[in-house]
Amino acid sequence: MSVQRTQVVVVGGGQAGLAAGYHLCRHGEDFVVLDAQSTPGGAWQHTWDSLHLFSPAAYSSLPGRLMPAQPGETYPDAGHVVDYLADYEKRYDLPVQHGVQVDAVRRDGDRLLIETDAGNWSTQAVISATGTWSRPFIPAVPGRGAFDGRQLHTVGYRSPAEFAGQRVIVVGGGNSGAQIAADLARVGVEVTWATQRPPRFLADDIDGRVLFDVATARRRALDAGRTDTGGIASLGDIVAVPPVRAARDAGLLQARPMFTRLTATGVEWADGISATVDTVIWCTGFRPTLAHLAPLGLRGPRGRIATDGTRALGEPRLHLLGYGDWTGPASATLIGVGRPARDAAREIATLL
């Protein structure tokens, strides 16, 4: 099989990969973006129907191109984001190859070899921007295998219609848990919301604009050796977007402590109280999708790769982008990924 050559390979064509592509274009680099998705839009094309951004369109933009407002919506929905990302890819003529699954990144002398299901690439540098959506996390709760009902993760949830007449327990005290519990409760589904600790709602006037500023201020403080401000975690866990706020104010978001085990027919708490449940929805987060980087032997504690900014400490030809604050402040967000993408492209241009 022939091997194609390029200066840089970006793995992942979602928001982080596109931001990286934009800045690589500005540096005049020869590169390709390999994306496992068959169409543009990244993970946004697989979210639940009612999902909206935390921020207005103008504060949810990738570098170089403001997201246009969505008519009738202060906070754009996921479909609007997909359209924006597809337009962004086309507007900047980014060299994205869709439907290409990257299986492995290996050292190959003074270059890196990218193995895919559509052929191999030889490159001088790699930006990994695969995100987390394809690696959902479900905790090892006792009895999980004994439960006879349906279990699904956030990634499998679409709308409350399929749960009509069911008893549903939503697990998770973050944004996804609150939003999905609210989505179900507003149409009368019998829903129980179970959280590890009491839910912490942010103030109603806080949205993504404030969160980005807070995350950036924390990173600057840490970089300067000042006291940790606590960042977003110091404010709370749940953004009170309008549907969540409405459900909370109507008394529909009353959280219960996390149950201790699953039974064949439902769940049971530490005090012996049990509940019959038809479906469990695990809104318990994600892990970074990094299996393709395993041949490099870089994984450390908690499955992460140690980085300086976006650059992998154990492999200077590799940059990681968009996985969370450890790869740049707010880098898993639309507005936040631009700055670390710029830094990664600049470092790669210097390397090359």
Protein backbone atom coordinates (compact mmCIF):
# COMPACT_ATOMS: atom_id res chain seq x y z
CA MET A 1 0.00 0.00 0.00
CA SER A 2 1.37 3.40 -0.95
CA VAL A 3 2.05 6.00 1.72
CA GLN A 4 0.99 9.60 1.17
CA ARG A 5 3.18 12.38 2.54
CA THR A 6 2.33 15.76 4.05
CA GLN A 7 3.84 18.13 6.60
CA VAL A 8 1.02 17.93 9.16
CA VAL A 9 -1.84 15.54 9.80
CA VAL A 10 -4.78 16.72 11.91
CA VAL A 11 -6.75 13.80 13.35
CA GLY A 12 -10.38 14.84 13.81
CA GLY A 13 -12.50 17.27 11.80
CA GLY A 14 -14.76 18.69 14.50
CA GLN A 15 -14.45 22.20 15.93
CA ALA A 16 -10.89 21.67 17.24
CA GLY A 17 -9.64 20.15 14.00
CA LEU A 18 -11.16 22.95 11.93
CA ALA A 19 -9.64 25.63 14.16
CA ALA A 20 -6.26 23.93 13.78
CA GLY A 21 -6.75 23.81 10.01
CA TYR A 22 -7.54 27.52 9.88
CA HIS A 23 -4.29 28.44 11.60
CA LEU A 24 -2.20 25.95 9.64
CA CYS A 25 -3.52 27.61 6.47
CA ARG A 26 -2.39 30.98 7.76
CA HIS A 27 1.13 29.57 8.25
CA GLY A 28 1.13 28.14 4.74
CA GLU A 29 1.62 24.55 5.90
CA ASP A 30 0.87 21.51 3.75
CA PHE A 31 -1.61 19.46 5.78
CA VAL A 32 -4.61 17.15 5.74
CA VAL A 33 -7.48 16.71 8.21
CA LEU A 34 -8.60 13.10 8.63
CA ASP A 35 -12.10 12.82 10.08
CA ALA A 36 -13.93 9.64 11.02
CA GLN A 37 -17.32 11.33 10.53
CA SER A 38 -18.87 10.85 7.08
CA THR A 39 -20.17 14.44 7.03
CA PRO A 40 -19.09 17.79 8.53
CA GLY A 41 -20.20 18.86 11.99
CA GLY A 42 -18.23 16.73 14.40
CA ALA A 43 -20.04 15.40 17.47
CA TRP A 44 -22.68 18.14 17.21
CA GLN A 45 -24.54 16.08 14.59
CA HIS A 46 -25.14 13.30 17.16
CA THR A 47 -26.51 15.24 20.15
CA TRP A 48 -30.04 15.20 21.55
CA ASP A 49 -32.75 17.18 19.78
CA SER A 50 -33.25 19.95 22.34
CA LEU A 51 -29.58 20.76 22.97
CA HIS A 52 -28.65 24.44 22.73
CA LEU A 53 -25.38 26.28 23.26
CA PHE A 54 -24.65 28.08 26.54
CA SER A 55 -23.68 31.27 24.69
CA PRO A 56 -25.10 33.53 21.98
CA ALA A 57 -23.82 32.86 18.46
CA ALA A 58 -21.32 35.73 18.43
CA TYR A 59 -19.63 34.22 21.50
CA SER A 60 -19.53 30.70 20.04
CA SER A 61 -17.32 31.29 17.03
CA LEU A 62 -14.20 29.68 15.62
CA PRO A 63 -11.28 31.91 14.54
CA GLY A 64 -11.86 34.07 11.50
CA ARG A 65 -15.59 33.58 11.11
CA LEU A 66 -18.35 34.76 13.45
CA MET A 67 -21.19 32.32 13.88
CA PRO A 68 -24.31 33.98 12.47
CA ALA A 69 -27.27 34.36 14.79
CA GLN A 70 -30.03 31.77 14.56
CA PRO A 71 -33.39 33.44 13.88
CA GLY A 72 -35.64 33.29 16.91
CA GLU A 73 -32.96 31.82 19.20
CA THR A 74 -30.71 33.60 21.67
CA TYR A 75 -28.70 30.41 22.16
CA PRO A 76 -28.31 28.45 18.89
CA ASP A 77 -29.26 24.79 18.73
CA ALA A 78 -26.99 21.92 17.72
CA GLY A 79 -28.28 21.87 14.14
CA HIS A 80 -27.23 25.50 13.71
CA VAL A 81 -23.75 24.59 14.97
CA VAL A 82 -23.51 21.75 12.44
CA ASP A 83 -24.44 24.13 9.62
CA TYR A 84 -21.86 26.64 10.85
CA LEU A 85 -19.07 24.05 10.99
CA ALA A 86 -19.94 22.74 7.52
CA ASP A 87 -19.87 26.30 6.16
CA TYR A 88 -16.59 27.01 7.96
CA GLU A 89 -14.94 23.96 6.42
CA LYS A 90 -16.13 25.00 2.95
CA ARG A 91 -15.41 28.73 3.34
CA TYR A 92 -11.74 28.15 4.13
CA ASP A 93 -11.43 25.22 1.70
CA LEU A 94 -9.94 23.09 4.45
CA PRO A 95 -8.50 19.77 3.19
CA VAL A 96 -10.77 17.52 5.24
CA GLN A 97 -11.12 13.88 4.24
CA HIS A 98 -14.32 12.51 5.77
CA GLY A 99 -15.01 8.89 6.58
CA VAL A 100 -11.37 8.11 7.41
CA GLN A 101 -10.73 6.27 10.65
CA VAL A 102 -7.25 6.78 12.10
CA ASP A 103 -6.17 3.56 13.78
CA ALA A 104 -2.63 4.35 14.96
CA VAL A 105 0.11 6.97 15.08
CA ARG A 106 3.62 5.53 15.19
CA ARG A 107 7.16 6.87 15.19
CA ASP A 108 8.87 6.21 11.87
CA GLY A 109 12.40 7.57 12.10
CA ASP A 110 12.35 11.33 11.81
CA ARG A 111 8.67 11.22 10.77
CA LEU A 112 5.38 9.91 12.12
CA LEU A 113 3.34 7.23 10.38
CA ILE A 114 -0.46 7.55 10.44
CA GLU A 115 -2.28 4.26 9.84
CA THR A 116 -5.91 4.55 8.68
CA ASP A 117 -8.60 2.37 7.16
CA ALA A 118 -8.09 4.27 3.90
CA GLY A 119 -4.30 4.07 3.60
CA ASN A 120 -1.30 5.45 5.45
CA TRP A 121 0.23 8.90 5.76
CA SER A 122 3.79 9.96 6.56
CA THR A 123 4.07 13.31 8.28
CA GLN A 124 6.37 15.57 10.26
CA ALA A 125 3.80 16.59 12.89
CA VAL A 126 0.39 15.54 14.18
CA ILE A 127 -2.42 17.46 15.86
CA SER A 128 -4.78 15.08 17.63
CA ALA A 129 -8.25 16.62 17.90
CA THR A 130 -10.52 13.61 18.36
CA GLY A 131 -12.41 14.94 21.36
CA THR A 132 -14.32 12.75 23.80
CA TRP A 133 -17.79 12.03 22.36
CA SER A 134 -16.83 8.61 20.99
CA ARG A 135 -15.62 7.44 24.43
CA PRO A 136 -18.53 7.71 26.88
CA PHE A 137 -17.87 6.78 30.49
CA ILE A 138 -20.22 4.71 32.67
CA PRO A 139 -19.18 4.05 36.29
CA ALA A 140 -18.89 0.53 37.64
CA VAL A 141 -21.99 0.63 39.84
CA PRO A 142 -22.77 -2.69 41.56
CA GLY A 143 -25.51 -4.64 39.82
CA ARG A 144 -25.22 -2.85 36.51
CA GLY A 145 -25.11 -6.13 34.64
CA ALA A 146 -28.12 -7.50 36.51
CA PHE A 147 -30.55 -4.73 35.52
CA ASP A 148 -33.19 -6.04 33.09
CA GLY A 149 -34.24 -2.62 31.80
CA ARG A 150 -32.63 -0.38 29.22
CA GLN A 151 -29.38 1.48 29.85
CA LEU A 152 -28.00 4.23 27.65
CA HIS A 153 -25.46 7.00 27.88
CA THR A 154 -25.87 10.65 26.97
CA VAL A 155 -24.64 9.79 23.46
CA GLY A 156 -27.67 7.57 22.90
CA TYR A 157 -30.33 10.04 24.05
CA ARG A 158 -32.33 11.94 21.40
CA SER A 159 -35.74 13.03 22.71
CA PRO A 160 -38.24 12.31 25.51
CA ALA A 161 -40.79 10.85 23.08
CA GLU A 162 -39.35 7.32 23.27
CA PHE A 163 -39.67 7.30 27.07
CA ALA A 164 -43.39 8.09 27.32
CA GLY A 165 -45.01 6.08 30.09
CA GLN A 166 -41.67 4.90 31.47
CA ARG A 167 -39.97 5.38 34.81
CA VAL A 168 -36.56 6.83 34.05
CA ILE A 169 -33.60 7.56 36.31
CA VAL A 170 -31.05 10.09 35.04
CA VAL A 171 -27.60 9.79 36.61
CA GLY A 172 -25.22 12.76 36.73
CA GLY A 173 -25.05 16.18 38.34
CA GLY A 174 -23.55 18.11 35.43
CA ASN A 175 -25.05 19.98 32.51
CA SER A 176 -26.05 16.91 30.52
CA GLY A 177 -27.80 15.32 33.48
CA ALA A 178 -29.72 18.48 34.32
CA GLN A 179 -30.70 19.18 30.73
CA ILE A 180 -31.87 15.64 29.96
CA ALA A 181 -33.76 15.36 33.27
CA ALA A 182 -35.45 18.69 32.47
CA ASP A 183 -36.19 17.54 28.91
CA LEU A 184 -37.97 14.44 30.22
CA ALA A 185 -39.78 16.13 33.10
CA ARG A 186 -41.27 18.90 31.00
CA VAL A 187 -43.36 16.39 29.03
CA GLY A 188 -44.49 14.41 32.05
CA VAL A 189 -42.09 11.46 31.98
CA GLU A 190 -41.69 10.02 35.49
CA VAL A 191 -38.04 10.90 36.05
CA THR A 192 -35.72 10.59 39.04
CA TRP A 193 -32.50 12.59 38.98
CA ALA A 194 -29.63 10.97 40.90
CA THR A 195 -26.45 12.93 41.62
CA GLN A 196 -23.24 12.18 43.52
CA ARG A 197 -23.56 15.44 45.43
CA PRO A 198 -26.27 18.12 45.66
CA PRO A 199 -26.57 19.96 42.31
CA ARG A 200 -24.78 23.29 42.11
CA PHE A 201 -26.53 25.67 39.72
CA LEU A 202 -24.61 28.68 38.48
CA ALA A 203 -26.26 32.07 38.85
CA ASP A 204 -28.97 32.57 36.25
CA ASP A 205 -27.09 35.39 34.51
CA ILE A 206 -23.96 33.30 33.87
CA ASP A 207 -23.53 31.79 30.42
CA GLY A 208 -20.67 30.65 28.23
CA ARG A 209 -19.24 34.14 27.85
CA VAL A 210 -18.55 34.38 31.56
CA LEU A 211 -17.31 30.79 31.78
CA PHE A 212 -14.71 31.37 29.07
CA ASP A 213 -13.44 34.50 30.82
CA VAL A 214 -13.23 32.65 34.15
CA ALA A 215 -11.36 29.69 32.64
CA THR A 216 -8.91 32.01 30.88
CA ALA A 217 -8.28 34.02 34.06
CA ARG A 218 -7.56 30.83 35.99
CA ARG A 219 -5.05 29.61 33.42
CA ARG A 220 -3.27 32.97 33.39
CA ALA A 221 -3.09 32.95 37.19
CA LEU A 222 -1.63 29.45 37.25
CA ASP A 223 0.88 30.27 34.50
CA ALA A 224 2.00 33.32 36.48
CA GLY A 225 2.41 31.30 39.68
CA ARG A 226 -0.48 33.02 41.44
CA THR A 227 -3.09 31.38 43.66
CA ASP A 228 -5.52 29.05 41.92
CA THR A 229 -8.82 30.92 41.52
CA GLY A 230 -10.76 27.67 41.28
CA GLY A 231 -12.00 28.52 37.82
CA ILE A 232 -15.43 27.41 36.67
CA ALA A 233 -15.65 24.76 39.39
CA SER A 234 -15.75 27.51 42.00
CA LEU A 235 -18.98 28.87 40.50
CA GLY A 236 -20.98 25.67 40.19
CA ASP A 237 -21.57 22.70 37.91
CA ILE A 238 -24.75 23.47 35.97
CA VAL A 239 -25.45 26.39 33.65
CA ALA A 240 -29.05 27.48 34.18
CA VAL A 241 -30.05 27.54 30.51
CA PRO A 242 -33.73 28.47 30.04
CA PRO A 243 -35.20 24.90 29.97
CA VAL A 244 -33.21 23.89 33.04
CA ARG A 245 -34.15 27.08 34.84
CA ALA A 246 -37.84 26.54 34.03
CA ALA A 247 -37.80 22.95 35.27
CA ARG A 248 -35.89 23.90 38.40
CA ASP A 249 -38.26 26.75 39.24
CA ALA A 250 -41.27 24.48 38.66
CA GLY A 251 -39.88 22.02 41.18
CA LEU A 252 -39.22 19.35 38.54
CA LEU A 253 -35.47 19.07 39.19
CA GLN A 254 -35.34 17.61 42.68
CA ALA A 255 -32.16 15.56 42.88
CA ARG A 256 -31.77 12.44 44.99
CA PRO A 257 -28.44 11.08 46.24
CA MET A 258 -26.70 8.54 44.04
CA PHE A 259 -28.08 5.02 44.51
CA THR A 260 -25.72 2.31 45.73
CA ARG A 261 -26.67 -0.47 43.36
CA LEU A 262 -28.85 -1.60 40.50
CA THR A 263 -31.21 -4.54 40.86
CA ALA A 264 -33.02 -6.56 38.20
CA THR A 265 -35.97 -4.19 38.34
CA GLY A 266 -34.53 -0.86 39.42
CA VAL A 267 -32.24 0.86 41.90
CA GLU A 268 -31.58 0.76 45.62
CA TRP A 269 -30.19 3.43 47.94
CA ALA A 270 -27.95 3.05 50.99
CA ASP A 271 -30.91 3.44 53.35
CA GLY A 272 -32.64 0.44 51.79
CA ILE A 273 -35.21 2.42 49.84
CA SER A 274 -35.69 1.06 46.31
CA ALA A 275 -37.42 2.19 43.15
CA THR A 276 -38.64 0.34 40.09
CA VAL A 277 -37.08 1.76 36.93
CA ASP A 278 -37.53 1.03 33.22
CA THR A 279 -34.54 2.97 31.91
CA VAL A 280 -31.27 4.34 33.26
CA ILE A 281 -29.66 7.24 31.38
CA TRP A 282 -26.01 7.65 32.35
CA CYS A 283 -24.99 11.31 32.02
CA THR A 284 -21.64 10.52 33.54
CA GLY A 285 -19.20 12.17 31.19
CA PHE A 286 -16.52 11.10 28.77
CA ARG A 287 -12.87 10.19 28.50
CA PRO A 288 -10.46 11.52 25.86
CA THR A 289 -10.38 9.47 22.66
CA LEU A 290 -6.67 8.68 22.47
CA ALA A 291 -6.44 5.00 21.48
CA HIS A 292 -4.84 5.95 18.15
CA LEU A 293 -1.90 7.41 20.08
CA ALA A 294 -1.24 4.25 22.14
CA PRO A 295 1.78 3.15 20.03
CA LEU A 296 3.60 6.30 21.17
CA GLY A 297 3.51 5.15 24.79
CA LEU A 298 2.65 8.56 26.22
CA ARG A 299 -0.39 7.88 28.42
CA GLY A 300 -0.02 8.85 32.07
CA PRO A 301 -2.30 9.09 35.13
CA ARG A 302 -6.06 9.25 34.41
CA GLY A 303 -5.35 8.27 30.81
CA ARG A 304 -4.03 11.68 29.87
CA ILE A 305 -0.88 12.60 28.00
CA ALA A 306 1.38 15.10 29.74
CA THR A 307 1.54 18.36 27.81
CA ASP A 308 3.17 21.75 27.83
CA GLY A 309 0.33 23.81 26.44
CA THR A 310 -0.83 21.60 23.59
CA ARG A 311 2.55 19.92 22.91
CA ALA A 312 3.08 16.40 24.21
CA LEU A 313 6.06 16.35 26.56
CA GLY A 314 7.15 12.90 25.40
CA GLU A 315 6.80 13.61 21.68
CA PRO A 316 7.40 17.19 20.48
CA ARG A 317 5.93 16.41 17.05
CA LEU A 318 2.52 15.75 18.62
CA HIS A 319 0.01 18.33 19.79
CA LEU A 320 -3.31 17.62 21.53
CA LEU A 321 -6.17 20.01 21.04
CA GLY A 322 -9.69 20.37 22.39
CA TYR A 323 -9.78 17.77 25.14
CA GLY A 324 -10.30 20.18 28.04
CA ASP A 325 -8.37 22.64 30.15
CA TRP A 326 -5.30 20.40 30.18
CA THR A 327 -4.88 21.16 26.47
CA GLY A 328 -5.76 24.85 26.73
CA PRO A 329 -8.25 26.94 28.75
CA ALA A 330 -11.79 26.09 27.65
CA SER A 331 -10.32 24.29 24.62
CA ALA A 332 -13.28 21.88 24.46
CA THR A 333 -15.56 24.81 23.55
CA LEU A 334 -16.14 26.59 20.26
CA ILE A 335 -14.90 29.95 21.46
CA GLY A 336 -12.12 28.53 23.60
CA VAL A 337 -10.37 26.31 21.05
CA GLY A 338 -9.15 29.14 18.82
CA ARG A 339 -6.31 30.33 21.03
CA PRO A 340 -4.67 26.93 21.71
CA ALA A 341 -5.18 26.03 18.02
CA ARG A 342 -3.23 29.16 17.09
CA ASP A 343 -0.47 28.28 19.55
CA ALA A 344 -0.22 24.71 18.28
CA ALA A 345 -0.01 25.81 14.64
CA ARG A 346 2.65 28.38 15.51
CA GLU A 347 4.77 25.83 17.40
CA ILE A 348 4.48 23.36 14.53
CA ALA A 349 5.46 26.02 12.00
CA THR A 350 8.54 26.75 14.10
CA LEU A 351 9.34 23.04 14.36
CA LEU A 352 9.09 22.55 10.62
